[in-house]
Amino acid sequence: MMQQELERVSTLNTTINDDGAVLHDAKEEHVGMGGTMKGAQGAMSKLGRQDIRDAIILRCALVFYWIVVVYVLWTRIKIPFLP
């Protein structure tokens, strides 16, 4: 009976040590991912700013295009509703 209990405790101790090693490895991996996540967050915010800038540039280009179209129509055709 004592032998069985000693084996059970020994197995339990080995299991706890193995689980501790797994948790330690997971913690180290998690800490390593922190730097990666900060870099990814910086890249995502940079892409977001670039997306906003591209949308502004696109809208300005469309406004400029329509201004040019109206100017050409006004000078060539003399649209009456424009002064």
C-alpha atoms as a PDB file:
ATOM      1  CA  MET A   1       0.000   0.000   0.000  1.00  0.00           C
ATOM      2  CA  MET A   2       2.805   2.435   0.863  1.00  0.00           C
ATOM      3  CA  GLN A   3       4.615   1.470  -2.345  1.00  0.00           C
ATOM      4  CA  GLN A   4       1.549   2.315  -4.443  1.00  0.00           C
ATOM      5  CA  GLU A   5       1.118   5.637  -2.693  1.00  0.00           C
ATOM      6  CA  LEU A   6       4.818   6.449  -3.194  1.00  0.00           C
ATOM      7  CA  GLU A   7       4.543   5.643  -6.916  1.00  0.00           C
ATOM      8  CA  ARG A   8       1.408   7.762  -7.208  1.00  0.00           C
ATOM      9  CA  VAL A   9       3.099  10.724  -5.517  1.00  0.00           C
ATOM     10  CA  SER A  10       6.195  10.274  -7.692  1.00  0.00           C
ATOM     11  CA  THR A  11       4.051  10.243 -10.842  1.00  0.00           C
ATOM     12  CA  LEU A  12       2.135  13.258  -9.605  1.00  0.00           C
ATOM     13  CA  ASN A  13       5.405  15.106  -8.918  1.00  0.00           C
ATOM     14  CA  THR A  14       6.676  14.318 -12.428  1.00  0.00           C
ATOM     15  CA  THR A  15       3.402  15.528 -13.943  1.00  0.00           C
ATOM     16  CA  ILE A  16       3.520  18.763 -11.963  1.00  0.00           C
ATOM     17  CA  ASN A  17       7.134  19.387 -13.040  1.00  0.00           C
ATOM     18  CA  ASP A  18       6.269  18.729 -16.690  1.00  0.00           C
ATOM     19  CA  ASP A  19       3.267  21.060 -16.489  1.00  0.00           C
ATOM     20  CA  GLY A  20       5.447  23.710 -14.861  1.00  0.00           C
ATOM     21  CA  ALA A  21       7.938  23.438 -17.721  1.00  0.00           C
ATOM     22  CA  VAL A  22       5.120  23.780 -20.271  1.00  0.00           C
ATOM     23  CA  LEU A  23       3.768  26.849 -18.465  1.00  0.00           C
ATOM     24  CA  HIS A  24       7.256  28.381 -18.325  1.00  0.00           C
ATOM     25  CA  ASP A  25       7.719  27.839 -22.070  1.00  0.00           C
ATOM     26  CA  ALA A  26       4.282  29.334 -22.755  1.00  0.00           C
ATOM     27  CA  LYS A  27       5.137  32.372 -20.629  1.00  0.00           C
ATOM     28  CA  GLU A  28       8.415  32.915 -22.504  1.00  0.00           C
ATOM     29  CA  GLU A  29       6.602  32.619 -25.833  1.00  0.00           C
ATOM     30  CA  HIS A  30       3.957  35.073 -24.654  1.00  0.00           C
ATOM     31  CA  VAL A  31       6.618  37.587 -23.614  1.00  0.00           C
ATOM     32  CA  GLY A  32       8.302  37.156 -27.009  1.00  0.00           C
ATOM     33  CA  MET A  33       5.009  37.815 -28.770  1.00  0.00           C
ATOM     34  CA  GLY A  34       4.657  41.139 -26.943  1.00  0.00           C
ATOM     35  CA  GLY A  35       7.315  42.773 -29.124  1.00  0.00           C
ATOM     36  CA  THR A  36       5.791  41.295 -32.241  1.00  0.00           C
ATOM     37  CA  MET A  37       2.370  42.599 -31.276  1.00  0.00           C
ATOM     38  CA  LYS A  38       3.717  46.114 -30.661  1.00  0.00           C
ATOM     39  CA  GLY A  39       5.375  46.071 -34.082  1.00  0.00           C
ATOM     40  CA  ALA A  40       2.183  44.851 -35.721  1.00  0.00           C
ATOM     41  CA  GLN A  41       0.170  47.506 -33.915  1.00  0.00           C
ATOM     42  CA  GLY A  42       2.515  50.192 -35.196  1.00  0.00           C
ATOM     43  CA  ALA A  43       2.253  48.844 -38.733  1.00  0.00           C
ATOM     44  CA  MET A  44      -1.540  48.751 -38.532  1.00  0.00           C
ATOM     45  CA  SER A  45      -1.772  52.340 -37.309  1.00  0.00           C
ATOM     46  CA  LYS A  46       0.588  53.431 -40.097  1.00  0.00           C
ATOM     47  CA  LEU A  47      -1.584  51.618 -42.661  1.00  0.00           C
ATOM     48  CA  GLY A  48      -4.684  53.271 -41.213  1.00  0.00           C
ATOM     49  CA  ARG A  49      -3.157  56.727 -41.571  1.00  0.00           C
ATOM     50  CA  GLN A  50      -2.063  55.894 -45.105  1.00  0.00           C
ATOM     51  CA  ASP A  51      -5.585  54.713 -45.954  1.00  0.00           C
ATOM     52  CA  ILE A  52      -7.068  58.005 -44.730  1.00  0.00           C
ATOM     53  CA  ARG A  53      -4.484  59.978 -46.690  1.00  0.00           C
ATOM     54  CA  ASP A  54      -5.237  57.979 -49.850  1.00  0.00           C
ATOM     55  CA  ALA A  55      -8.975  58.618 -49.443  1.00  0.00           C
ATOM     56  CA  ILE A  56      -8.346  62.366 -49.105  1.00  0.00           C
ATOM     57  CA  ILE A  57      -6.107  62.374 -52.192  1.00  0.00           C
ATOM     58  CA  LEU A  58      -8.729  60.444 -54.182  1.00  0.00           C
ATOM     59  CA  ARG A  59     -11.476  62.887 -53.231  1.00  0.00           C
ATOM     60  CA  CYS A  60      -9.296  65.878 -54.121  1.00  0.00           C
ATOM     61  CA  ALA A  61      -8.457  64.288 -57.481  1.00  0.00           C
ATOM     62  CA  LEU A  62     -12.144  63.732 -58.229  1.00  0.00           C
ATOM     63  CA  VAL A  63     -12.996  67.330 -57.321  1.00  0.00           C
ATOM     64  CA  PHE A  64     -10.150  68.594 -59.515  1.00  0.00           C
ATOM     65  CA  TYR A  65     -11.330  66.364 -62.392  1.00  0.00           C
ATOM     66  CA  TRP A  66     -14.871  67.702 -62.240  1.00  0.00           C
ATOM     67  CA  ILE A  67     -13.623  71.286 -61.993  1.00  0.00           C
ATOM     68  CA  VAL A  68     -11.581  70.720 -65.155  1.00  0.00           C
ATOM     69  CA  VAL A  69     -14.574  69.128 -66.929  1.00  0.00           C
ATOM     70  CA  VAL A  70     -16.793  72.071 -66.033  1.00  0.00           C
ATOM     71  CA  TYR A  71     -14.111  74.541 -67.135  1.00  0.00           C
ATOM     72  CA  VAL A  72     -13.657  72.796 -70.498  1.00  0.00           C
ATOM     73  CA  LEU A  73     -17.404  72.680 -71.075  1.00  0.00           C
ATOM     74  CA  TRP A  74     -17.723  76.332 -70.102  1.00  0.00           C
ATOM     75  CA  THR A  75     -14.925  77.519 -72.380  1.00  0.00           C
ATOM     76  CA  ARG A  76     -15.732  75.301 -75.383  1.00  0.00           C
ATOM     77  CA  ILE A  77     -19.474  75.062 -75.347  1.00  0.00           C
ATOM     78  CA  LYS A  78     -20.367  78.181 -73.371  1.00  0.00           C
ATOM     79  CA  ILE A  79     -22.926  76.560 -71.155  1.00  0.00           C
ATOM     80  CA  PRO A  80     -25.563  79.253 -70.519  1.00  0.00           C
ATOM     81  CA  PHE A  81     -26.159  78.502 -66.839  1.00  0.00           C
ATOM     82  CA  LEU A  82     -22.541  79.335 -65.986  1.00  0.00           C
ATOM     83  CA  PRO A  83     -21.567  83.041 -65.885  1.00  0.00           C
END
